[in-house]
Amino acid sequence: MIDARSRPRKRERVLTQTAAGTLVLLDLDGGQYYSLDEVSARVWELCDGEHGVEGIVEMISAEYDAPAETIYEDVLAFLEEMLDEKLLVVEGA
């Protein structure tokens, strides 16, 4: 479960590659590919185990000039999906 204090971190054994302006993730364990749009790719970059969800939301909100409430819901949904796919681990929940 992810909340505002969680610090998501990319799981090892997930490779990234940029192709045609899209960030592509490859889960080496499952063999699955995932493509991320610009905003999702930025959220993925910030998943380093140091930034908390609140911090990620603040940065995305400032960078894309969007309301933090909307960004929070979208970021949480993306992070939960990545967690379900076992691409992220969560620290400090």
Protein backbone atom coordinates (compact mmCIF):
# COMPACT_ATOMS: atom_id res chain seq x y z
CA MET A 1 0.00 0.00 0.00
CA ILE A 2 1.31 3.42 -0.92
CA ASP A 3 0.53 6.62 0.94
CA ALA A 4 1.90 10.17 1.03
CA ARG A 5 4.87 9.17 3.23
CA SER A 6 5.92 6.20 1.11
CA ARG A 7 9.23 6.35 -0.74
CA PRO A 8 8.91 4.29 -3.94
CA ARG A 9 12.08 2.81 -5.42
CA LYS A 10 12.64 1.10 -8.76
CA ARG A 11 13.17 -2.61 -8.39
CA GLU A 12 16.43 -4.01 -9.63
CA ARG A 13 16.27 -6.03 -12.83
CA VAL A 14 14.08 -3.48 -14.62
CA LEU A 15 15.84 -2.02 -17.64
CA THR A 16 14.89 1.29 -19.22
CA GLN A 17 15.34 2.54 -22.76
CA THR A 18 14.05 5.63 -24.53
CA ALA A 19 12.56 4.94 -27.94
CA ALA A 20 10.72 7.47 -30.11
CA GLY A 21 10.25 9.82 -27.15
CA THR A 22 8.74 7.10 -24.96
CA LEU A 23 10.37 5.48 -21.95
CA VAL A 24 10.19 1.71 -22.22
CA LEU A 25 10.64 -0.54 -19.18
CA LEU A 26 11.63 -4.19 -19.44
CA ASP A 27 11.08 -6.45 -16.45
CA LEU A 28 13.93 -8.95 -16.81
CA ASP A 29 12.27 -11.43 -14.47
CA GLY A 30 8.85 -11.48 -16.11
CA GLY A 31 9.86 -10.50 -19.66
CA GLN A 32 7.14 -7.83 -19.78
CA TYR A 33 7.53 -4.47 -21.56
CA TYR A 34 5.85 -1.28 -20.38
CA SER A 35 5.78 2.07 -22.17
CA LEU A 36 5.46 5.30 -20.23
CA ASP A 37 4.32 8.69 -21.42
CA GLU A 38 6.24 11.87 -20.55
CA VAL A 39 4.67 12.47 -17.14
CA SER A 40 4.78 8.82 -16.08
CA ALA A 41 8.42 8.66 -17.17
CA ARG A 42 9.19 11.67 -14.97
CA VAL A 43 7.46 10.03 -12.00
CA TRP A 44 9.45 6.85 -12.70
CA GLU A 45 12.71 8.87 -12.67
CA LEU A 46 11.82 10.24 -9.24
CA CYS A 47 11.24 6.76 -7.78
CA ASP A 48 14.70 6.52 -6.23
CA GLY A 49 13.81 5.64 -2.64
CA GLU A 50 14.75 9.16 -1.55
CA HIS A 51 11.70 11.08 -2.75
CA GLY A 52 8.44 10.51 -0.94
CA VAL A 53 5.10 10.52 -2.74
CA GLU A 54 4.39 14.04 -1.44
CA GLY A 55 7.70 15.28 -2.83
CA ILE A 56 7.09 13.62 -6.19
CA VAL A 57 3.64 15.20 -6.38
CA GLU A 58 5.04 18.65 -5.53
CA MET A 59 7.72 18.38 -8.23
CA ILE A 60 5.32 17.12 -10.91
CA SER A 61 2.76 19.76 -9.96
CA ALA A 62 5.37 22.52 -10.30
CA GLU A 63 6.90 21.16 -13.51
CA TYR A 64 3.57 20.69 -15.28
CA ASP A 65 1.70 23.59 -13.64
CA ALA A 66 -1.20 21.39 -12.55
CA PRO A 67 -3.23 21.21 -9.32
CA ALA A 68 -1.53 19.06 -6.67
CA GLU A 69 -4.81 17.30 -5.82
CA THR A 70 -5.19 16.00 -9.37
CA ILE A 71 -1.51 15.12 -9.63
CA TYR A 72 -1.66 13.25 -6.30
CA GLU A 73 -4.47 10.97 -7.48
CA ASP A 74 -2.75 10.29 -10.82
CA VAL A 75 0.67 9.68 -9.25
CA LEU A 76 -0.83 7.35 -6.64
CA ALA A 77 -2.69 5.37 -9.33
CA PHE A 78 0.50 5.06 -11.42
CA LEU A 79 2.60 4.01 -8.43
CA GLU A 80 0.04 1.43 -7.33
CA GLU A 81 -0.01 -0.01 -10.86
CA MET A 82 3.80 -0.21 -10.93
CA LEU A 83 3.74 -1.83 -7.48
CA ASP A 84 1.13 -4.37 -8.66
CA GLU A 85 3.39 -5.19 -11.61
CA LYS A 86 6.29 -5.62 -9.16
CA LEU A 87 8.37 -2.91 -10.83
CA LEU A 88 8.61 -0.85 -7.63
CA VAL A 89 9.23 -1.48 -3.98
CA VAL A 90 8.05 0.87 -1.25
CA GLU A 91 10.12 2.10 1.66
CA GLY A 92 9.01 4.05 4.71
CA ALA A 93 5.29 3.50 4.36
